[in-house]
N, C-alpha and C. Protein backbone atom coordinates (compact mmCIF):
# COMPACT_ATOMS: atom_id res chain seq x y z
N MET A 1 98.66 104.78 -11.48
CA MET A 1 99.09 103.90 -10.62
C MET A 1 99.59 103.10 -11.00
N VAL A 2 99.66 102.10 -12.13
CA VAL A 2 100.07 101.12 -12.42
C VAL A 2 102.13 101.67 -12.73
N GLN A 3 101.81 102.76 -13.41
CA GLN A 3 103.41 103.38 -13.18
C GLN A 3 104.09 103.51 -11.92
N HIS A 4 103.30 104.12 -10.75
CA HIS A 4 104.09 103.56 -8.94
C HIS A 4 104.20 102.56 -8.84
N VAL A 5 103.26 101.33 -9.05
CA VAL A 5 103.54 99.91 -9.00
C VAL A 5 104.94 99.68 -9.74
N GLU A 6 104.84 99.40 -11.18
CA GLU A 6 106.09 99.33 -11.87
C GLU A 6 107.46 100.39 -11.37
N GLN A 7 107.23 101.11 -10.81
CA GLN A 7 108.71 102.04 -10.40
C GLN A 7 108.89 101.24 -9.06
N ASN A 8 108.01 100.71 -8.30
CA ASN A 8 108.41 100.35 -7.02
C ASN A 8 109.11 98.79 -7.30
N LEU A 9 108.39 98.36 -8.07
CA LEU A 9 108.57 96.95 -8.72
C LEU A 9 109.84 97.38 -9.13
N GLN A 10 110.61 98.18 -9.67
CA GLN A 10 111.93 98.24 -10.38
C GLN A 10 113.15 98.78 -9.21
N LEU A 11 112.47 99.78 -8.28
CA LEU A 11 113.44 99.89 -7.10
C LEU A 11 113.54 98.46 -6.29
N MET A 12 112.55 97.78 -6.41
CA MET A 12 112.29 96.35 -5.39
C MET A 12 113.66 95.67 -6.12
N THR A 13 113.45 95.70 -7.47
CA THR A 13 114.41 94.93 -8.24
C THR A 13 116.11 95.47 -8.17
N LYS A 14 115.87 96.65 -8.05
CA LYS A 14 117.60 97.03 -7.87
C LYS A 14 117.84 97.06 -6.38
N ARG A 15 116.92 97.33 -5.70
CA ARG A 15 117.56 96.39 -4.02
C ARG A 15 117.85 95.28 -4.22
N ALA A 16 116.86 94.14 -4.58
CA ALA A 16 117.39 92.79 -4.72
C ALA A 16 118.77 92.21 -5.31
N VAL A 17 118.78 93.17 -6.65
CA VAL A 17 120.08 92.85 -7.11
C VAL A 17 121.45 93.30 -5.89
N LYS A 18 121.25 94.25 -5.95
CA LYS A 18 122.10 95.04 -4.55
C LYS A 18 122.56 93.78 -3.48
N ALA A 19 121.17 93.27 -3.38
CA ALA A 19 121.58 92.28 -2.07
C ALA A 19 121.69 91.10 -2.29
N GLU A 20 121.39 90.65 -3.89
CA GLU A 20 122.27 89.35 -4.00
C GLU A 20 124.23 89.82 -4.39
N ASN A 21 124.18 91.04 -5.27
CA ASN A 21 125.42 91.41 -5.16
C ASN A 21 126.24 91.46 -3.51
N SER A 22 125.34 91.95 -2.66
CA SER A 22 126.37 92.10 -1.43
C SER A 22 126.58 90.39 -0.90
N ALA A 23 125.23 90.20 -0.99
CA ALA A 23 125.19 88.40 -0.26
C ALA A 23 126.58 88.07 -1.32
N THR A 24 126.54 87.58 -2.19
CA THR A 24 127.45 87.24 -3.42
C THR A 24 129.32 87.51 -2.73
N LYS A 25 129.46 89.05 -2.54
CA LYS A 25 130.52 89.27 -2.11
C LYS A 25 130.78 88.72 -0.44
N LEU A 26 129.55 88.85 0.32
CA LEU A 26 130.43 88.39 1.45
C LEU A 26 130.39 86.70 1.82
N LYS A 27 130.02 86.02 0.91
CA LYS A 27 129.88 84.53 0.43
C LYS A 27 131.16 84.64 0.17
N GLN A 28 131.59 85.34 -1.03
CA GLN A 28 133.55 85.01 -1.23
C GLN A 28 134.49 85.63 -0.04
N GLU A 29 133.58 86.69 0.77
CA GLU A 29 135.14 86.92 1.68
C GLU A 29 134.96 85.61 2.96
N ASN A 30 133.77 85.40 3.16
CA ASN A 30 133.35 84.23 3.90
C ASN A 30 134.54 82.92 3.92
N ALA A 31 134.60 82.40 2.23
CA ALA A 31 134.95 81.78 2.24
C ALA A 31 136.85 81.91 1.88
N LEU A 32 136.84 83.35 1.46
CA LEU A 32 138.41 83.42 2.13
C LEU A 32 138.93 84.07 3.41
N LEU A 33 137.77 83.87 3.99
CA LEU A 33 137.83 83.90 5.38
C LEU A 33 138.73 82.58 6.06
N GLN A 34 137.79 81.56 5.38
CA GLN A 34 137.48 80.19 6.19
C GLN A 34 139.07 79.52 5.51
N VAL A 35 139.58 79.93 4.47
CA VAL A 35 140.62 79.50 3.76
C VAL A 35 141.78 80.24 4.79
N GLN A 36 142.00 81.29 4.85
CA GLN A 36 143.12 81.77 5.90
C GLN A 36 142.77 81.46 7.64
N LEU A 37 141.59 80.78 7.97
CA LEU A 37 141.24 80.05 9.06
C LEU A 37 141.99 79.12 9.00
N LYS A 38 141.59 78.26 8.03
CA LYS A 38 142.37 76.83 7.90
C LYS A 38 144.15 77.03 7.67
N ASN A 39 144.45 78.17 7.03
CA ASN A 39 146.01 77.90 6.94
C ASN A 39 146.58 78.39 8.36
N TYR A 40 145.89 79.33 9.24
CA TYR A 40 145.93 80.00 10.40
C TYR A 40 146.13 78.35 11.23
N LYS A 41 144.96 77.77 11.56
CA LYS A 41 145.25 76.54 12.16
C LYS A 41 146.41 75.13 11.76
N THR A 42 146.26 75.43 10.40
CA THR A 42 147.97 74.76 10.12
C THR A 42 149.21 75.57 10.95
N GLU A 43 148.86 76.38 10.53
CA GLU A 43 150.49 77.12 10.98
C GLU A 43 150.76 76.97 12.32
N ASN A 44 149.22 77.06 13.36
CA ASN A 44 149.23 76.94 14.57
C ASN A 44 149.62 75.44 15.11
N GLU A 45 149.53 74.73 14.42
CA GLU A 45 149.66 73.27 15.11
C GLU A 45 151.22 73.08 14.47
N ALA A 46 151.73 73.71 13.58
CA ALA A 46 152.87 73.52 12.90
C ALA A 46 153.90 73.69 13.97
N LEU A 47 153.81 75.64 14.91
CA LEU A 47 154.29 75.65 15.31
C LEU A 47 154.60 75.03 16.68
N ARG A 48 153.03 74.67 17.37
CA ARG A 48 153.02 73.95 18.86
C ARG A 48 153.96 72.24 18.48
N SER A 49 154.00 71.81 17.43
CA SER A 49 154.55 70.55 16.99
C SER A 49 156.03 71.54 16.85
N GLY A 50 156.77 72.44 16.56
CA GLY A 50 157.72 72.92 16.45
C GLY A 50 158.26 73.61 18.26
N GLN A 51 157.59 73.58 18.90
CA GLN A 51 157.69 74.16 20.37
C GLN A 51 157.86 72.84 20.99
N SER A 52 156.90 71.22 20.74
CA SER A 52 157.37 70.33 21.08
C SER A 52 158.85 69.89 20.89
N ALA A 53 159.21 69.84 19.58
CA ALA A 53 160.41 69.35 19.19
C ALA A 53 161.65 70.40 19.71
N SER A 54 161.28 71.24 19.91
CA SER A 54 162.29 72.21 20.74
C SER A 54 162.36 71.96 22.00
N LEU A 55 161.44 71.79 22.75
CA LEU A 55 161.31 71.26 24.27
C LEU A 55 162.22 69.66 24.26
N ALA A 56 162.06 69.19 23.19
CA ALA A 56 162.66 67.82 23.26
C ALA A 56 164.42 67.85 23.09
N VAL A 57 164.68 69.30 22.19
CA VAL A 57 165.90 69.07 21.81
C VAL A 57 166.34 69.89 23.30
N VAL A 58 166.14 70.64 24.02
CA VAL A 58 166.65 71.40 25.25
C VAL A 58 166.72 70.30 26.17
N ARG A 59 165.25 69.25 26.57
CA ARG A 59 165.54 68.27 27.55
C ARG A 59 166.61 67.50 27.28
N GLN A 60 166.93 67.07 25.64
CA GLN A 60 168.10 66.13 25.65
C GLN A 60 169.61 67.04 25.41
N ASN A 61 169.43 68.36 25.19
CA ASN A 61 170.59 69.03 25.65
C ASN A 61 171.21 68.88 27.25
N ALA A 62 169.85 69.32 28.22
CA ALA A 62 170.17 69.35 29.55
C ALA A 62 170.86 67.70 30.43
N ASP A 63 170.20 66.94 29.21
CA ASP A 63 170.62 65.73 30.08
C ASP A 63 172.05 65.81 29.28
N ILE A 64 172.62 65.85 27.89
CA ILE A 64 173.84 65.54 28.20
C ILE A 64 174.72 66.22 28.82
N ALA A 65 174.56 67.56 29.18
CA ALA A 65 175.09 68.77 30.11
C ALA A 65 174.87 67.80 31.64
N LEU A 66 174.21 67.17 31.29
CA LEU A 66 173.96 66.28 33.37
C LEU A 66 175.02 65.63 33.10
N GLN A 67 175.26 65.03 32.23
CA GLN A 67 176.34 63.34 31.99
C GLN A 67 177.61 64.15 31.83
N ASN A 68 177.52 65.11 30.97
CA ASN A 68 179.01 65.81 30.99
C ASN A 68 179.70 66.20 32.68
N LEU A 69 178.43 66.90 33.12
CA LEU A 69 178.71 67.08 34.49
C LEU A 69 179.29 66.23 35.38
N LEU A 70 178.57 65.70 35.43
CA LEU A 70 178.63 63.81 36.35
C LEU A 70 180.12 63.35 36.09
N SER A 71 180.35 63.51 34.66
CA SER A 71 181.54 63.18 34.27
C SER A 71 182.98 63.56 34.64
N VAL A 72 182.68 65.36 34.33
CA VAL A 72 183.60 66.05 35.29
C VAL A 72 183.90 65.48 36.76
N ILE A 73 182.85 65.43 37.52
CA ILE A 73 182.79 64.96 39.04
C ILE A 73 183.46 63.74 39.27
N THR A 74 183.15 62.88 38.27
CA THR A 74 183.95 61.78 38.88
C THR A 74 185.05 62.03 38.68
N ASN A 75 185.61 62.47 37.37
CA ASN A 75 187.22 62.76 37.42
C ASN A 75 187.57 63.39 38.48
N SER A 76 187.11 64.64 38.24
CA SER A 76 187.60 65.81 39.93
C SER A 76 187.68 64.89 40.67
N ARG A 77 187.24 64.03 41.54
CA ARG A 77 187.07 63.28 42.67
C ARG A 77 188.71 62.45 42.31
N SER A 78 188.47 61.81 41.51
CA SER A 78 189.36 61.13 41.24
C SER A 78 190.96 61.72 40.87
N SER A 79 191.09 62.62 40.41
CA SER A 79 192.00 63.62 40.34
C SER A 79 192.37 64.32 41.78
N ILE A 80 191.65 64.33 42.84
CA ILE A 80 191.44 65.43 44.15
C ILE A 80 192.14 63.83 44.82
N LYS A 81 192.14 62.84 44.89
CA LYS A 81 192.31 61.65 45.54
C LYS A 81 193.96 61.44 44.75
N GLN A 82 194.09 61.22 43.83
CA GLN A 82 195.82 61.56 43.44
C GLN A 82 196.34 62.06 43.73
N LEU A 83 195.90 63.44 44.21
CA LEU A 83 196.79 64.23 44.29
C LEU A 83 196.98 64.55 46.31
N ILE A 84 195.94 63.50 46.67
CA ILE A 84 196.21 63.62 48.18
C ILE A 84 196.98 62.45 48.40
N SER A 85 196.90 61.32 47.28
CA SER A 85 198.15 60.33 47.77
C SER A 85 199.34 60.86 47.14
N GLY A 86 199.59 61.84 46.35
CA GLY A 86 200.97 62.16 45.89
C GLY A 86 201.08 62.95 47.30
N ALA A 87 200.40 64.05 48.02
CA ALA A 87 200.64 64.82 48.77
C ALA A 87 200.99 64.17 50.34
N GLU A 88 200.42 62.91 50.40
CA GLU A 88 200.92 61.96 51.86
C GLU A 88 201.96 61.14 51.16
N SER A 89 202.47 60.64 49.86
CA SER A 89 203.46 60.12 49.57
C SER A 89 205.00 61.70 49.69
N LEU A 90 204.90 62.43 49.50
CA LEU A 90 205.50 63.87 49.60
C LEU A 90 205.93 63.72 51.03
N GLN A 91 204.82 63.85 52.24
CA GLN A 91 205.25 63.84 53.32
C GLN A 91 205.98 62.81 53.89
N LEU A 92 205.62 61.49 53.58
CA LEU A 92 206.60 60.52 53.70
C LEU A 92 207.89 60.64 53.20
N VAL A 93 207.97 61.02 52.33
CA VAL A 93 209.77 61.18 52.01
C VAL A 93 209.86 62.65 52.57
N ALA A 94 209.15 63.53 52.78
CA ALA A 94 209.99 64.79 54.02
C ALA A 94 210.29 64.00 55.64
N ASP A 95 209.37 62.80 55.80
CA ASP A 95 209.27 62.42 57.14
C ASP A 95 210.50 61.85 57.30
N LEU A 96 211.01 61.02 55.87
CA LEU A 96 212.19 60.01 56.05
C LEU A 96 213.27 60.82 55.83
N LEU A 97 213.57 62.19 54.89
CA LEU A 97 214.56 62.85 54.98
C LEU A 97 214.88 63.19 56.06
N LYS A 98 213.75 63.84 56.78
CA LYS A 98 214.19 64.27 58.38
C LYS A 98 214.78 63.33 59.33
N SER A 99 214.10 62.16 59.35
CA SER A 99 214.92 61.23 59.79
C SER A 99 216.42 60.59 59.38
N ILE A 100 216.60 60.60 58.07
CA ILE A 100 217.81 60.47 57.47
C ILE A 100 219.22 61.36 58.19
N ASP A 101 218.63 62.73 58.44
CA ASP A 101 218.89 63.98 59.03
C ASP A 101 219.38 64.07 60.73
N ARG A 102 218.07 63.46 61.38
CA ARG A 102 218.67 62.76 62.76
C ARG A 102 219.59 61.68 62.74
N ILE A 103 219.43 60.88 61.81
CA ILE A 103 220.57 59.55 62.08
C ILE A 103 221.82 60.44 61.62
N SER A 104 222.10 60.91 60.61
CA SER A 104 223.14 61.86 60.35
C SER A 104 224.19 62.36 61.75
N GLU A 105 222.74 63.22 62.30
CA GLU A 105 223.71 63.92 63.63
C GLU A 105 223.87 63.07 64.66
N MET A 106 222.84 61.88 64.91
CA MET A 106 223.13 61.06 65.73
C MET A 106 224.73 60.21 65.36
N SER A 107 224.98 60.01 64.21
CA SER A 107 226.09 58.98 63.97
C SER A 107 227.49 60.24 64.10
N GLU A 108 227.19 61.45 63.88
CA GLU A 108 228.45 62.01 63.84
C GLU A 108 228.40 62.58 65.48
N ASP A 109 227.58 62.65 66.15
CA ASP A 109 227.62 62.70 67.69
C ASP A 109 228.45 61.56 68.82
N GLY A 110 227.85 60.45 67.61
CA GLY A 110 228.60 59.31 68.20
C GLY A 110 230.07 59.13 67.77
N GLN A 111 230.56 59.49 67.10
CA GLN A 111 231.93 59.48 66.30
C GLN A 111 232.98 59.94 67.32
């Protein structure tokens, strides 16, 4: 019976050692996973701040594009006004030339 108790004690000791080894391995794995989690959180924050920075750059580029577009519109309006003014001047010259033809025709008829 003592022998049986000693065998049980040895078995229980082996099981306890095995359980302690398993617990140690699990603690190490848990520590590793905690480090990985911390790294992933840090990376996630970096990516989020990078997205914010990218969004800010996109907004800035959109603002610059808008300013350029407004400048082009203003210059286009100015150019269109100049073209209209030039067309009106040309129309005036054409009207004057017609008048000169009429005046010369009248003076030829009057001679």
